[in-house]
């Protein structure tokens, strides 16, 4: 199992919490998730590091704009795909 694999389920659960309108709880999980993923992406190839930075920027913009559904989509689709690429 790659280091990323263990964070797939928490990312999906966090996305579901945002979709359910439980943004405070989800935001706390997202902070932990981002903190755990940061060192893993630091060891990834430069192209994936750039993609991680872009996805994280979009996620934070969604959070700032209170676009919970957009944020959930980034967590559940964009981030999971990036984690899949980095884990291979």
Protein backbone atom coordinates (compact mmCIF):
# COMPACT_ATOMS: atom_id res chain seq x y z
CA UNK A 1 0.00 0.00 0.00
CA UNK A 2 1.36 3.41 -0.96
CA UNK A 3 1.45 6.19 1.59
CA UNK A 4 -1.43 7.84 -0.26
CA UNK A 5 -3.77 4.86 -0.14
CA UNK A 6 -4.57 5.31 3.55
CA UNK A 7 -5.93 8.81 2.87
CA UNK A 8 -8.42 7.89 0.15
CA UNK A 9 -11.25 7.03 2.54
CA UNK A 10 -10.78 10.13 4.74
CA UNK A 11 -10.82 12.33 1.60
CA UNK A 12 -14.12 10.81 0.46
CA UNK A 13 -15.62 11.06 3.94
CA UNK A 14 -14.56 14.70 4.16
CA UNK A 15 -16.18 15.40 0.78
CA UNK A 16 -19.41 13.79 1.97
CA UNK A 17 -19.43 15.95 5.10
CA UNK A 18 -19.12 19.08 2.96
CA UNK A 19 -22.02 17.86 0.82
CA UNK A 20 -24.11 17.32 3.94
CA UNK A 21 -23.51 20.90 5.09
CA UNK A 22 -21.27 19.87 7.97
CA UNK A 23 -18.56 22.28 6.88
CA UNK A 24 -17.01 22.93 10.31
CA UNK A 25 -16.41 19.24 10.93
CA UNK A 26 -15.26 18.70 7.36
CA UNK A 27 -12.89 21.68 7.48
CA UNK A 28 -11.13 20.24 10.53
CA UNK A 29 -10.67 16.93 8.75
CA UNK A 30 -9.46 18.71 5.62
CA UNK A 31 -6.74 20.51 7.61
CA UNK A 32 -5.52 17.19 9.02
CA UNK A 33 -5.73 15.54 5.61
CA UNK A 34 -3.80 18.32 3.89
CA UNK A 35 -1.15 18.26 6.59
CA UNK A 36 -0.70 14.51 6.22
CA UNK A 37 -0.54 14.67 2.42
CA UNK A 38 1.94 17.55 2.24
CA UNK A 39 5.06 15.48 3.07
CA UNK A 40 3.95 12.72 0.71
CA UNK A 41 3.59 15.14 -2.19
CA UNK A 42 6.95 16.70 -1.26
CA UNK A 43 8.53 13.38 -2.28
CA UNK A 44 6.53 13.15 -5.53
CA UNK A 45 7.85 14.22 -8.94
CA UNK A 46 7.85 17.96 -9.65
CA UNK A 47 4.88 17.76 -12.04
CA UNK A 48 2.72 16.14 -9.36
CA UNK A 49 3.88 18.68 -6.79
CA UNK A 50 2.68 21.45 -9.10
CA UNK A 51 -0.67 19.72 -9.59
CA UNK A 52 -1.01 19.26 -5.80
CA UNK A 53 -0.34 22.97 -5.34
CA UNK A 54 -2.98 23.86 -7.94
CA UNK A 55 -5.60 21.51 -6.44
CA UNK A 56 -4.89 22.80 -2.94
CA UNK A 57 -5.22 26.39 -4.17
CA UNK A 58 -8.59 25.60 -5.76
CA UNK A 59 -9.76 23.83 -2.62
CA UNK A 60 -8.83 26.79 -0.44
CA UNK A 61 -10.56 29.19 -2.85
CA UNK A 62 -13.71 27.08 -2.64
CA UNK A 63 -13.48 27.10 1.14
CA UNK A 64 -13.00 30.87 1.24
CA UNK A 65 -15.99 31.33 -1.05
CA UNK A 66 -18.03 28.82 0.95
CA UNK A 67 -18.50 26.71 -2.17
CA UNK A 68 -18.91 23.46 -0.26
CA UNK A 69 -20.03 21.43 -3.26
CA UNK A 70 -17.09 22.62 -5.34
CA UNK A 71 -14.75 21.81 -2.48
CA UNK A 72 -16.31 18.35 -2.13
CA UNK A 73 -15.76 17.73 -5.84
CA UNK A 74 -12.08 18.71 -5.57
CA UNK A 75 -11.64 16.37 -2.62
CA UNK A 76 -13.47 13.44 -4.10
CA UNK A 77 -12.36 13.63 -7.70
CA UNK A 78 -9.34 15.84 -8.35
CA UNK A 79 -7.47 14.98 -5.16
CA UNK A 80 -8.19 11.26 -5.40
CA UNK A 81 -6.96 11.17 -8.98
CA UNK A 82 -3.81 13.04 -8.02
CA UNK A 83 -3.22 10.65 -5.14
CA UNK A 84 -3.71 7.72 -7.51
CA UNK A 85 -1.11 9.13 -9.90
CA UNK A 86 1.36 9.82 -7.11
CA UNK A 87 0.90 6.37 -5.60
CA UNK A 88 1.79 4.49 -8.77
